[in-house]
C-alpha atoms as a PDB file:
ATOM      1  CA  MET A   1      15.742 200.326-117.357  1.00  0.00           C
ATOM      2  CA  ASN A   2      13.443 197.320-117.656  1.00  0.00           C
ATOM      3  CA  TRP A   3      11.316 197.752-114.545  1.00  0.00           C
ATOM      4  CA  GLN A   4       9.600 194.402-115.060  1.00  0.00           C
ATOM      5  CA  ASP A   5      12.817 192.755-113.892  1.00  0.00           C
ATOM      6  CA  GLN A   6      13.333 195.056-110.880  1.00  0.00           C
ATOM      7  CA  VAL A   7      12.348 194.714-107.229  1.00  0.00           C
ATOM      8  CA  VAL A   8      11.652 198.169-105.769  1.00  0.00           C
ATOM      9  CA  LEU A   9      11.245 199.130-102.104  1.00  0.00           C
ATOM     10  CA  ILE A  10      10.033 202.458-100.672  1.00  0.00           C
ATOM     11  CA  THR A  11      10.735 203.270 -97.029  1.00  0.00           C
ATOM     12  CA  GLY A  12       8.028 205.517 -95.634  1.00  0.00           C
ATOM     13  CA  GLY A  13       5.988 204.217 -98.549  1.00  0.00           C
ATOM     14  CA  THR A  14       2.611 205.208 -97.085  1.00  0.00           C
ATOM     15  CA  GLY A  15       3.575 208.906 -97.018  1.00  0.00           C
ATOM     16  CA  SER A  16       2.662 211.470 -99.675  1.00  0.00           C
ATOM     17  CA  LEU A  17       5.658 210.832-101.943  1.00  0.00           C
ATOM     18  CA  GLY A  18       5.592 207.076-101.358  1.00  0.00           C
ATOM     19  CA  ARG A  19       1.982 206.839-102.477  1.00  0.00           C
ATOM     20  CA  LYS A  20       2.656 209.015-105.522  1.00  0.00           C
ATOM     21  CA  LEU A  21       5.701 206.929-106.515  1.00  0.00           C
ATOM     22  CA  THR A  22       3.575 203.813-106.107  1.00  0.00           C
ATOM     23  CA  GLU A  23       0.927 205.302-108.386  1.00  0.00           C
ATOM     24  CA  VAL A  24       3.517 206.235-111.028  1.00  0.00           C
ATOM     25  CA  PHE A  25       5.112 202.787-110.952  1.00  0.00           C
ATOM     26  CA  LEU A  26       1.847 200.899-111.184  1.00  0.00           C
ATOM     27  CA  GLN A  27       0.475 203.058-113.991  1.00  0.00           C
ATOM     28  CA  ARG A  28       3.613 203.486-116.096  1.00  0.00           C
ATOM     29  CA  HIS A  29       6.456 201.204-114.965  1.00  0.00           C
ATOM     30  CA  PRO A  30       5.087 198.061-113.273  1.00  0.00           C
ATOM     31  CA  PRO A  31       8.047 196.420-111.511  1.00  0.00           C
ATOM     32  CA  LYS A  32       8.543 192.768-110.738  1.00  0.00           C
ATOM     33  CA  LYS A  33       7.787 193.568-107.112  1.00  0.00           C
ATOM     34  CA  LEU A  34       6.994 196.827-105.284  1.00  0.00           C
ATOM     35  CA  ILE A  35       7.502 196.715-101.515  1.00  0.00           C
ATOM     36  CA  ILE A  36       6.041 199.316 -99.132  1.00  0.00           C
ATOM     37  CA  LEU A  37       7.920 199.552 -95.827  1.00  0.00           C
ATOM     38  CA  SER A  38       6.319 201.681 -93.103  1.00  0.00           C
ATOM     39  CA  ARG A  39       5.289 201.637 -89.449  1.00  0.00           C
ATOM     40  CA  ASP A  40       1.572 202.370 -89.853  1.00  0.00           C
ATOM     41  CA  GLU A  41      -0.656 199.342 -90.436  1.00  0.00           C
ATOM     42  CA  LEU A  42      -3.731 201.541 -90.946  1.00  0.00           C
ATOM     43  CA  LYS A  43      -2.103 203.474 -93.794  1.00  0.00           C
ATOM     44  CA  GLN A  44      -0.898 200.213 -95.317  1.00  0.00           C
ATOM     45  CA  SER A  45      -4.458 198.868 -95.158  1.00  0.00           C
ATOM     46  CA  GLU A  46      -5.704 202.020 -96.879  1.00  0.00           C
ATOM     47  CA  MET A  47      -3.060 201.607 -99.594  1.00  0.00           C
ATOM     48  CA  GLN A  48      -4.119 198.000-100.140  1.00  0.00           C
ATOM     49  CA  GLN A  49      -7.658 199.216-100.727  1.00  0.00           C
ATOM     50  CA  ALA A  50      -6.430 201.878-103.164  1.00  0.00           C
ATOM     51  CA  PHE A  51      -4.138 199.400-104.955  1.00  0.00           C
ATOM     52  CA  PRO A  52      -5.916 196.019-104.573  1.00  0.00           C
ATOM     53  CA  ASP A  53      -3.848 192.832-104.761  1.00  0.00           C
ATOM     54  CA  GLU A  54      -5.982 191.279-107.491  1.00  0.00           C
ATOM     55  CA  ARG A  55      -5.249 194.218-109.781  1.00  0.00           C
ATOM     56  CA  TYR A  56      -1.654 194.841-108.680  1.00  0.00           C
ATOM     57  CA  PRO A  57      -0.127 191.467-107.773  1.00  0.00           C
ATOM     58  CA  CYS A  58       3.376 192.995-107.587  1.00  0.00           C
ATOM     59  CA  MET A  59       2.529 194.875-104.373  1.00  0.00           C
ATOM     60  CA  ARG A  60       4.009 193.783-101.038  1.00  0.00           C
ATOM     61  CA  TYR A  61       3.696 195.387 -97.602  1.00  0.00           C
ATOM     62  CA  PHE A  62       6.216 195.239 -94.763  1.00  0.00           C
ATOM     63  CA  ILE A  63       5.496 196.615 -91.302  1.00  0.00           C
ATOM     64  CA  GLY A  64       8.860 197.938 -90.180  1.00  0.00           C
ATOM     65  CA  ASP A  65      10.884 200.880 -88.951  1.00  0.00           C
ATOM     66  CA  VAL A  66      14.169 202.172 -90.329  1.00  0.00           C
ATOM     67  CA  ARG A  67      15.397 202.173 -86.714  1.00  0.00           C
ATOM     68  CA  ASP A  68      15.169 198.368 -86.775  1.00  0.00           C
ATOM     69  CA  ARG A  69      18.328 197.239 -88.524  1.00  0.00           C
ATOM     70  CA  ASP A  70      17.413 193.545 -88.544  1.00  0.00           C
ATOM     71  CA  ARG A  71      14.036 194.238 -90.121  1.00  0.00           C
ATOM     72  CA  LEU A  72      15.701 196.255 -92.895  1.00  0.00           C
ATOM     73  CA  TYR A  73      18.010 193.349 -93.685  1.00  0.00           C
ATOM     74  CA  ARG A  74      14.974 191.102 -94.074  1.00  0.00           C
ATOM     75  CA  ALA A  75      13.083 193.679 -96.164  1.00  0.00           C
ATOM     76  CA  PHE A  76      16.038 194.492 -98.468  1.00  0.00           C
ATOM     77  CA  ASP A  77      16.779 190.868 -99.343  1.00  0.00           C
ATOM     78  CA  GLY A  78      16.575 190.576-103.143  1.00  0.00           C
ATOM     79  CA  VAL A  79      15.791 194.283-103.663  1.00  0.00           C
ATOM     80  CA  ASP A  80      17.316 196.177-106.606  1.00  0.00           C
ATOM     81  CA  VAL A  81      16.224 199.793-105.956  1.00  0.00           C
ATOM     82  CA  VAL A  82      15.387 201.602-102.705  1.00  0.00           C
ATOM     83  CA  PHE A  83      13.708 204.998-102.373  1.00  0.00           C
ATOM     84  CA  HIS A  84      14.318 206.211 -98.831  1.00  0.00           C
ATOM     85  CA  ALA A  85      11.446 208.531 -97.908  1.00  0.00           C
ATOM     86  CA  ALA A  86      10.980 207.595 -94.239  1.00  0.00           C
ATOM     87  CA  ALA A  87      11.616 210.478 -91.821  1.00  0.00           C
ATOM     88  CA  LEU A  88      10.217 212.489 -88.951  1.00  0.00           C
ATOM     89  CA  LYS A  89       9.487 215.754 -90.775  1.00  0.00           C
ATOM     90  CA  GLN A  90       7.489 218.133 -88.594  1.00  0.00           C
ATOM     91  CA  VAL A  91       9.755 220.963 -87.413  1.00  0.00           C
ATOM     92  CA  PRO A  92       8.004 221.611 -84.047  1.00  0.00           C
ATOM     93  CA  THR A  93       7.814 217.873 -83.324  1.00  0.00           C
ATOM     94  CA  ALA A  94      11.537 217.513 -84.010  1.00  0.00           C
ATOM     95  CA  GLU A  95      12.387 220.401 -81.682  1.00  0.00           C
ATOM     96  CA  TYR A  96      10.358 218.845 -78.854  1.00  0.00           C
ATOM     97  CA  ASN A  97      11.555 215.265 -79.505  1.00  0.00           C
ATOM     98  CA  PRO A  98      15.178 215.673 -80.650  1.00  0.00           C
ATOM     99  CA  LEU A  99      16.465 212.208 -79.778  1.00  0.00           C
ATOM    100  CA  GLU A 100      13.537 210.504 -81.487  1.00  0.00           C
ATOM    101  CA  THR A 101      14.184 212.567 -84.611  1.00  0.00           C
ATOM    102  CA  ILE A 102      17.886 211.690 -84.555  1.00  0.00           C
ATOM    103  CA  ARG A 103      17.105 207.988 -84.133  1.00  0.00           C
ATOM    104  CA  THR A 104      14.869 207.980 -87.198  1.00  0.00           C
ATOM    105  CA  ASN A 105      16.492 210.515 -89.524  1.00  0.00           C
ATOM    106  CA  VAL A 106      20.181 209.901 -88.770  1.00  0.00           C
ATOM    107  CA  LEU A 107      20.553 206.431 -87.268  1.00  0.00           C
ATOM    108  CA  GLY A 108      17.771 205.156 -89.507  1.00  0.00           C
ATOM    109  CA  ALA A 109      19.682 206.458 -92.536  1.00  0.00           C
ATOM    110  CA  ALA A 110      22.798 204.607 -91.343  1.00  0.00           C
ATOM    111  CA  ASN A 111      20.749 201.404 -91.059  1.00  0.00           C
ATOM    112  CA  VAL A 112      19.416 201.850 -94.598  1.00  0.00           C
ATOM    113  CA  ILE A 113      22.970 202.295 -95.901  1.00  0.00           C
ATOM    114  CA  ASP A 114      24.320 199.213 -94.136  1.00  0.00           C
ATOM    115  CA  ALA A 115      21.389 197.031 -95.176  1.00  0.00           C
ATOM    116  CA  ALA A 116      21.576 198.225 -98.791  1.00  0.00           C
ATOM    117  CA  ILE A 117      25.291 197.463 -99.078  1.00  0.00           C
ATOM    118  CA  ASP A 118      25.137 194.084 -97.369  1.00  0.00           C
ATOM    119  CA  CYS A 119      22.032 193.018 -99.319  1.00  0.00           C
ATOM    120  CA  ASN A 120      23.643 194.147-102.609  1.00  0.00           C
ATOM    121  CA  VAL A 121      20.945 196.680-103.503  1.00  0.00           C
ATOM    122  CA  ARG A 122      21.971 198.396-106.745  1.00  0.00           C
ATOM    123  CA  SER A 123      20.646 201.951-106.276  1.00  0.00           C
ATOM    124  CA  VAL A 124      19.411 203.978-103.306  1.00  0.00           C
ATOM    125  CA  VAL A 125      17.821 207.412-103.722  1.00  0.00           C
ATOM    126  CA  ALA A 126      17.402 209.295-100.440  1.00  0.00           C
ATOM    127  CA  ILE A 127      14.762 212.029-100.262  1.00  0.00           C
ATOM    128  CA  SER A 128      16.027 215.200 -98.597  1.00  0.00           C
ATOM    129  CA  THR A 129      14.697 218.713 -97.993  1.00  0.00           C
ATOM    130  CA  ASP A 130      15.616 222.346 -98.501  1.00  0.00           C
ATOM    131  CA  LYS A 131      15.904 222.545 -94.707  1.00  0.00           C
ATOM    132  CA  ALA A 132      19.137 220.515 -94.951  1.00  0.00           C
ATOM    133  CA  ALA A 133      20.814 223.487 -96.664  1.00  0.00           C
ATOM    134  CA  ASN A 134      22.316 225.719 -93.958  1.00  0.00           C
ATOM    135  CA  PRO A 135      19.940 224.245 -91.354  1.00  0.00           C
ATOM    136  CA  ILE A 136      18.536 226.366 -88.524  1.00  0.00           C
ATOM    137  CA  ASN A 137      16.298 223.711 -86.944  1.00  0.00           C
ATOM    138  CA  LEU A 138      16.845 220.166 -85.711  1.00  0.00           C
ATOM    139  CA  TYR A 139      14.914 218.563 -88.545  1.00  0.00           C
ATOM    140  CA  GLY A 140      17.150 220.288 -91.090  1.00  0.00           C
ATOM    141  CA  ALA A 141      20.258 219.350 -89.121  1.00  0.00           C
ATOM    142  CA  THR A 142      19.277 215.679 -89.045  1.00  0.00           C
ATOM    143  CA  LYS A 143      18.568 215.685 -92.768  1.00  0.00           C
ATOM    144  CA  LEU A 144      21.938 217.311 -93.448  1.00  0.00           C
ATOM    145  CA  CYS A 145      23.546 214.496 -91.441  1.00  0.00           C
ATOM    146  CA  SER A 146      21.490 211.979 -93.404  1.00  0.00           C
ATOM    147  CA  ASP A 147      22.581 213.508 -96.730  1.00  0.00           C
ATOM    148  CA  LYS A 148      26.228 213.368 -95.674  1.00  0.00           C
ATOM    149  CA  LEU A 149      25.838 209.729 -94.641  1.00  0.00           C
ATOM    150  CA  PHE A 150      24.345 208.736 -97.987  1.00  0.00           C
ATOM    151  CA  VAL A 151      27.015 210.554 -99.978  1.00  0.00           C
ATOM    152  CA  ALA A 152      29.771 209.000 -97.860  1.00  0.00           C
ATOM    153  CA  GLY A 153      28.144 205.579 -98.177  1.00  0.00           C
ATOM    154  CA  ASN A 154      29.616 205.385-101.682  1.00  0.00           C
ATOM    155  CA  ASN A 155      33.056 205.342-100.047  1.00  0.00           C
ATOM    156  CA  TYR A 156      32.715 201.975 -98.381  1.00  0.00           C
ATOM    157  CA  VAL A 157      30.666 199.811-100.719  1.00  0.00           C
ATOM    158  CA  GLY A 158      33.837 197.936-101.646  1.00  0.00           C
ATOM    159  CA  PRO A 159      33.336 195.497-104.549  1.00  0.00           C
ATOM    160  CA  ARG A 160      29.543 195.610-104.207  1.00  0.00           C
ATOM    161  CA  ARG A 161      27.350 197.381-106.757  1.00  0.00           C
ATOM    162  CA  THR A 162      25.445 199.683-104.396  1.00  0.00           C
ATOM    163  CA  ARG A 163      25.337 203.404-105.173  1.00  0.00           C
ATOM    164  CA  PHE A 164      23.694 206.194-103.180  1.00  0.00           C
ATOM    165  CA  SER A 165      22.426 209.613-104.282  1.00  0.00           C
ATOM    166  CA  VAL A 166      20.183 212.287-102.762  1.00  0.00           C
ATOM    167  CA  VAL A 167      17.255 214.315-104.130  1.00  0.00           C
ATOM    168  CA  ARG A 168      16.615 217.667-102.445  1.00  0.00           C
ATOM    169  CA  TYR A 169      13.495 219.765-102.948  1.00  0.00           C
ATOM    170  CA  GLY A 170      11.275 222.088-100.915  1.00  0.00           C
ATOM    171  CA  ASN A 171       7.767 221.869 -99.549  1.00  0.00           C
ATOM    172  CA  VAL A 172       5.397 219.928-101.778  1.00  0.00           C
ATOM    173  CA  ALA A 173       2.177 221.741-102.657  1.00  0.00           C
ATOM    174  CA  GLY A 174      -0.841 220.042-101.121  1.00  0.00           C
ATOM    175  CA  SER A 175       1.097 217.335 -99.242  1.00  0.00           C
ATOM    176  CA  ARG A 176       0.595 216.608 -95.550  1.00  0.00           C
ATOM    177  CA  GLY A 177       2.045 219.542 -93.613  1.00  0.00           C
ATOM    178  CA  SER A 178       1.640 221.926 -96.556  1.00  0.00           C
ATOM    179  CA  VAL A 179      -0.133 225.231 -95.971  1.00  0.00           C
ATOM    180  CA  VAL A 180      -2.438 224.681 -98.969  1.00  0.00           C
ATOM    181  CA  PRO A 181      -4.884 222.273 -97.231  1.00  0.00           C
ATOM    182  CA  LEU A 182      -4.920 224.602 -94.213  1.00  0.00           C
ATOM    183  CA  TYR A 183      -5.816 227.626 -96.346  1.00  0.00           C
ATOM    184  CA  LEU A 184      -8.500 225.674 -98.214  1.00  0.00           C
ATOM    185  CA  LYS A 185     -10.020 224.776 -94.852  1.00  0.00           C
ATOM    186  CA  LEU A 186      -9.768 228.243 -93.287  1.00  0.00           C
ATOM    187  CA  ARG A 187     -10.865 230.387 -96.217  1.00  0.00           C
ATOM    188  CA  GLU A 188     -14.522 229.945 -95.218  1.00  0.00           C
ATOM    189  CA  THR A 189     -13.733 231.873 -92.017  1.00  0.00           C
ATOM    190  CA  GLY A 190     -12.698 234.947 -94.002  1.00  0.00           C
ATOM    191  CA  ARG A 191      -9.252 235.089 -92.377  1.00  0.00           C
ATOM    192  CA  LEU A 192      -5.967 233.416 -93.326  1.00  0.00           C
ATOM    193  CA  PRO A 193      -2.762 233.436 -91.260  1.00  0.00           C
ATOM    194  CA  ILE A 194       0.606 234.248 -92.839  1.00  0.00           C
ATOM    195  CA  THR A 195       3.887 234.341 -91.000  1.00  0.00           C
ATOM    196  CA  ASP A 196       5.479 237.223 -92.914  1.00  0.00           C
ATOM    197  CA  GLU A 197       4.368 239.144 -95.996  1.00  0.00           C
ATOM    198  CA  ARG A 198       7.888 238.874 -97.446  1.00  0.00           C
ATOM    199  CA  MET A 199       8.075 235.094 -97.129  1.00  0.00           C
ATOM    200  CA  THR A 200       8.757 233.099-100.313  1.00  0.00           C
ATOM    201  CA  ARG A 201       8.781 229.401-101.087  1.00  0.00           C
ATOM    202  CA  PHE A 202       9.544 227.116-104.012  1.00  0.00           C
ATOM    203  CA  TRP A 203       6.571 225.374-105.652  1.00  0.00           C
ATOM    204  CA  ILE A 204       6.622 221.708-106.622  1.00  0.00           C
ATOM    205  CA  THR A 205       3.740 219.277-106.954  1.00  0.00           C
ATOM    206  CA  LEU A 206       3.759 215.629-105.908  1.00  0.00           C
ATOM    207  CA  ASP A 207       3.664 214.568-109.559  1.00  0.00           C
ATOM    208  CA  GLN A 208       6.690 216.729-110.355  1.00  0.00           C
ATOM    209  CA  ALA A 209       8.560 215.462-107.298  1.00  0.00           C
ATOM    210  CA  ALA A 210       7.934 211.819-108.168  1.00  0.00           C
ATOM    211  CA  GLU A 211       8.947 212.274-111.809  1.00  0.00           C
ATOM    212  CA  PHE A 212      12.112 214.113-110.780  1.00  0.00           C
ATOM    213  CA  VAL A 213      13.070 211.346-108.343  1.00  0.00           C
ATOM    214  CA  LEU A 214      12.732 208.759-111.102  1.00  0.00           C
ATOM    215  CA  ARG A 215      14.792 210.824-113.552  1.00  0.00           C
ATOM    216  CA  CYS A 216      17.535 211.182-110.963  1.00  0.00           C
ATOM    217  CA  LEU A 217      17.576 207.432-110.390  1.00  0.00           C
ATOM    218  CA  ARG A 218      18.239 206.883-114.085  1.00  0.00           C
ATOM    219  CA  ARG A 219      20.990 209.527-114.150  1.00  0.00           C
ATOM    220  CA  MET A 220      22.820 208.954-110.857  1.00  0.00           C
ATOM    221  CA  GLU A 221      26.401 207.765-110.653  1.00  0.00           C
ATOM    222  CA  GLY A 222      26.538 207.908-106.864  1.00  0.00           C
ATOM    223  CA  GLY A 223      27.040 210.763-104.418  1.00  0.00           C
ATOM    224  CA  GLU A 224      25.168 213.529-106.263  1.00  0.00           C
ATOM    225  CA  VAL A 225      22.630 215.769-104.564  1.00  0.00           C
ATOM    226  CA  PHE A 226      20.055 216.565-107.246  1.00  0.00           C
ATOM    227  CA  VAL A 227      17.990 219.773-107.025  1.00  0.00           C
ATOM    228  CA  PRO A 228      15.115 220.525-109.447  1.00  0.00           C
ATOM    229  CA  LYS A 229      14.604 223.886-111.131  1.00  0.00           C
ATOM    230  CA  ILE A 230      11.152 224.976-109.994  1.00  0.00           C
ATOM    231  CA  PRO A 231       9.255 228.261-109.652  1.00  0.00           C
ATOM    232  CA  SER A 232       8.974 230.442-106.570  1.00  0.00           C
ATOM    233  CA  MET A 233       5.891 232.041-105.087  1.00  0.00           C
ATOM    234  CA  ARG A 234       5.074 234.474-102.298  1.00  0.00           C
ATOM    235  CA  ILE A 235       3.084 233.096 -99.395  1.00  0.00           C
ATOM    236  CA  ALA A 236       0.954 236.258 -99.435  1.00  0.00           C
ATOM    237  CA  ASP A 237       0.138 235.612-103.109  1.00  0.00           C
ATOM    238  CA  LEU A 238      -0.825 232.028-102.278  1.00  0.00           C
ATOM    239  CA  ALA A 239      -3.186 233.297 -99.581  1.00  0.00           C
ATOM    240  CA  HIS A 240      -4.719 235.777-102.031  1.00  0.00           C
ATOM    241  CA  ALA A 241      -5.100 233.038-104.637  1.00  0.00           C
ATOM    242  CA  ILE A 242      -6.951 230.722-102.253  1.00  0.00           C
ATOM    243  CA  GLY A 243      -8.936 233.330-100.343  1.00  0.00           C
ATOM    244  CA  PRO A 244      -9.133 236.490-102.481  1.00  0.00           C
ATOM    245  CA  ASN A 245     -11.624 238.093-100.102  1.00  0.00           C
ATOM    246  CA  CYS A 246      -9.938 236.966 -96.912  1.00  0.00           C
ATOM    247  CA  GLN A 247      -8.154 239.188 -94.437  1.00  0.00           C
ATOM    248  CA  LEU A 248      -4.525 238.185 -93.856  1.00  0.00           C
ATOM    249  CA  ASP A 249      -3.375 237.918 -90.246  1.00  0.00           C
ATOM    250  CA  VAL A 250       0.409 238.273 -89.861  1.00  0.00           C
ATOM    251  CA  ILE A 251       1.391 235.915 -87.029  1.00  0.00           C
ATOM    252  CA  GLY A 252       5.196 236.130 -87.255  1.00  0.00           C
ATOM    253  CA  ILE A 253       7.863 233.628 -88.264  1.00  0.00           C
ATOM    254  CA  ARG A 254       7.783 230.484 -86.154  1.00  0.00           C
ATOM    255  CA  PRO A 255      10.853 229.058 -84.381  1.00  0.00           C
ATOM    256  CA  GLY A 256      13.086 227.149 -86.805  1.00  0.00           C
ATOM    257  CA  GLU A 257      11.462 228.715 -89.870  1.00  0.00           C
ATOM    258  CA  LYS A 258      13.295 230.618 -92.621  1.00  0.00           C
ATOM    259  CA  LEU A 259      12.060 233.665 -94.486  1.00  0.00           C
ATOM    260  CA  HIS A 260      13.142 232.098 -97.793  1.00  0.00           C
ATOM    261  CA  GLU A 261      13.887 228.536 -98.853  1.00  0.00           C
ATOM    262  CA  VAL A 262      17.457 227.695 -99.858  1.00  0.00           C
ATOM    263  CA  MET A 263      18.318 224.581-101.834  1.00  0.00           C
ATOM    264  CA  ILE A 264      21.891 225.378-102.887  1.00  0.00           C
ATOM    265  CA  PRO A 265      23.776 227.692-100.512  1.00  0.00           C
ATOM    266  CA  GLU A 266      26.702 229.758-101.772  1.00  0.00           C
ATOM    267  CA  ASP A 267      29.211 227.444-100.106  1.00  0.00           C
ATOM    268  CA  GLU A 268      28.066 224.539-102.290  1.00  0.00           C
ATOM    269  CA  ALA A 269      27.910 226.489-105.549  1.00  0.00           C
ATOM    270  CA  ARG A 270      31.531 225.825-106.480  1.00  0.00           C
ATOM    271  CA  ASN A 271      30.804 222.094-106.502  1.00  0.00           C
ATOM    272  CA  SER A 272      27.527 222.414-108.423  1.00  0.00           C
ATOM    273  CA  LEU A 273      26.642 222.020-112.076  1.00  0.00           C
ATOM    274  CA  GLU A 274      23.624 223.558-113.788  1.00  0.00           C
ATOM    275  CA  PHE A 275      21.574 221.597-116.315  1.00  0.00           C
ATOM    276  CA  ASP A 276      18.483 222.609-118.259  1.00  0.00           C
ATOM    277  CA  ASP A 277      15.980 221.556-115.603  1.00  0.00           C
ATOM    278  CA  PHE A 278      18.036 220.765-112.504  1.00  0.00           C
ATOM    279  CA  TYR A 279      21.264 221.277-110.575  1.00  0.00           C
ATOM    280  CA  ALA A 280      23.660 218.616-109.338  1.00  0.00           C
ATOM    281  CA  ILE A 281      25.838 219.168-106.260  1.00  0.00           C
ATOM    282  CA  LEU A 282      28.802 216.895-106.838  1.00  0.00           C
ATOM    283  CA  PRO A 283      30.537 214.808-104.150  1.00  0.00           C
ATOM    284  CA  VAL A 284      34.028 216.262-104.406  1.00  0.00           C
ATOM    285  CA  GLN A 285      34.899 214.468-101.154  1.00  0.00           C
ATOM    286  CA  LEU A 286      34.599 211.249-103.174  1.00  0.00           C
ATOM    287  CA  GLY A 287      37.128 212.508-105.688  1.00  0.00           C
ATOM    288  CA  VAL A 288      34.520 213.440-108.317  1.00  0.00           C
ATOM    289  CA  ALA A 289      35.885 216.412-110.268  1.00  0.00           C
ATOM    290  CA  PRO A 290      33.260 218.689-111.855  1.00  0.00           C
ATOM    291  CA  ALA A 291      35.214 218.732-115.128  1.00  0.00           C
ATOM    292  CA  ASP A 292      35.178 214.927-115.350  1.00  0.00           C
ATOM    293  CA  TYR A 293      31.471 214.792-114.531  1.00  0.00           C
ATOM    294  CA  GLN A 294      30.806 217.431-117.198  1.00  0.00           C
ATOM    295  CA  ARG A 295      32.583 215.346-119.813  1.00  0.00           C
ATOM    296  CA  ARG A 296      30.243 212.457-119.042  1.00  0.00           C
ATOM    297  CA  HIS A 297      26.980 214.350-118.555  1.00  0.00           C
ATOM    298  CA  GLY A 298      27.370 217.952-119.700  1.00  0.00           C
ATOM    299  CA  GLY A 299      26.224 220.815-117.522  1.00  0.00           C
ATOM    300  CA  ARG A 300      27.613 224.253-116.709  1.00  0.00           C
ATOM    301  CA  ASN A 301      29.609 225.430-113.719  1.00  0.00           C
ATOM    302  CA  CYS A 302      27.697 227.557-111.226  1.00  0.00           C
ATOM    303  CA  PRO A 303      29.468 230.787-110.254  1.00  0.00           C
ATOM    304  CA  GLU A 304      30.948 230.773-106.760  1.00  0.00           C
ATOM    305  CA  SER A 305      28.565 233.475-105.579  1.00  0.00           C
ATOM    306  CA  PHE A 306      25.529 231.553-106.817  1.00  0.00           C
ATOM    307  CA  CYS A 307      22.752 230.757-104.349  1.00  0.00           C
ATOM    308  CA  TYR A 308      19.599 228.912-105.342  1.00  0.00           C
ATOM    309  CA  SER A 309      17.000 230.364-103.009  1.00  0.00           C
ATOM    310  CA  SER A 310      13.313 231.096-103.402  1.00  0.00           C
ATOM    311  CA  ASP A 311      13.788 234.879-103.203  1.00  0.00           C
ATOM    312  CA  ARG A 312      16.530 234.976-105.910  1.00  0.00           C
ATOM    313  CA  ASN A 313      14.711 232.791-108.406  1.00  0.00           C
ATOM    314  CA  SER A 314      14.115 233.988-111.979  1.00  0.00           C
ATOM    315  CA  TYR A 315      10.866 232.007-112.339  1.00  0.00           C
ATOM    316  CA  TRP A 316       7.845 233.205-110.328  1.00  0.00           C
ATOM    317  CA  LEU A 317       4.211 232.182-110.068  1.00  0.00           C
ATOM    318  CA  SER A 318       1.657 234.998-110.007  1.00  0.00           C
ATOM    319  CA  VAL A 319      -1.630 234.992-108.111  1.00  0.00           C
ATOM    320  CA  ALA A 320      -3.357 234.028-111.379  1.00  0.00           C
ATOM    321  CA  ASP A 321      -0.856 231.174-111.921  1.00  0.00           C
ATOM    322  CA  LEU A 322      -1.421 229.865-108.410  1.00  0.00           C
ATOM    323  CA  ARG A 323      -5.196 230.116-108.745  1.00  0.00           C
ATOM    324  CA  SER A 324      -5.054 228.189-112.013  1.00  0.00           C
ATOM    325  CA  LEU A 325      -2.827 225.485-110.561  1.00  0.00           C
ATOM    326  CA  LEU A 326      -4.962 225.105-107.472  1.00  0.00           C
ATOM    327  CA  GLY A 327      -8.111 225.075-109.565  1.00  0.00           C
ATOM    328  CA  LEU A 328      -6.766 222.160-111.590  1.00  0.00           C
ATOM    329  CA  LYS A 329      -5.766 220.361-108.408  1.00  0.00           C
ATOM    330  CA  ILE A 330      -9.169 220.829-106.803  1.00  0.00           C
ATOM    331  CA  ALA A 331     -10.920 219.749-109.978  1.00  0.00           C
ATOM    332  CA  SER A 332      -8.858 216.567-110.217  1.00  0.00           C
ATOM    333  CA  ARG A 333      -9.639 215.820-106.568  1.00  0.00           C
ATOM    334  CA  MET A 334     -13.368 216.248-107.179  1.00  0.00           C
ATOM    335  CA  VAL A 335     -13.264 213.933-110.196  1.00  0.00           C
ATOM    336  CA  ALA A 336     -11.483 211.277-108.160  1.00  0.00           C
END
């Protein structure tokens, strides 16, 4: 893809992934125009300072909300590619403000789909979460609805070129809401909280997430849910890696929280294909047969009993691995 001819828009572009995608584009794939759509003028101002106009003339900033359908139509005019990263993501906040979460995560997704189709956007990649797989909290339920909307959006594009796909991954190490910054802050106290000593999570960095999103954009046909192959780690090991001399306080699993992350539940395995570094859940409701998709792209069928969860993973990070990764991250932060 010749990015110099493309107009790219990121909803929620001032968030962790949006900023990382912006960095990747500007450093490696400068597009014709890169539009940041978000609600927060302060964060947009901070981004403008980080990516000054005189150095990056392709940058544009739109104050807007995915709830505002008319504003999306204005923002999407002339856009080729949309990365939809805008969402209300905090589990406790979603539980306390359910209608607000639905308006942003579900109705906002519907607005993005309508605007993309009517404005003839070519490709839309929606960013999802492990919590959308067999959801047990409202945030996960809204993201499952969002995923279903984006997959189904391929059904009614008509003669237009628009295609929609979804990227699903777990918590991003070091991003806002991650436990890593909390542990780095609390380790000086000599005590770190963990919810359960058995708890496991997948591990993905912002750089890995951004690169995976871009690879999926290049590969997508429309309707796939892409899931990266990434390592697992134990929360207790993470605490030991960050605060090796700290006492661990077990505080119990919080409402809406799972013991292990799941990205492909057993019920979706029969429609999933395994590749060397990712899985693809195929949209059989769109008439996409796994065998036909395999002929075009390769891949192997997942067994029906397969479940891609953080506790059943074959790739694990040790305490030493985590300490090394965090050391590199801290060092890079200090250099910056």
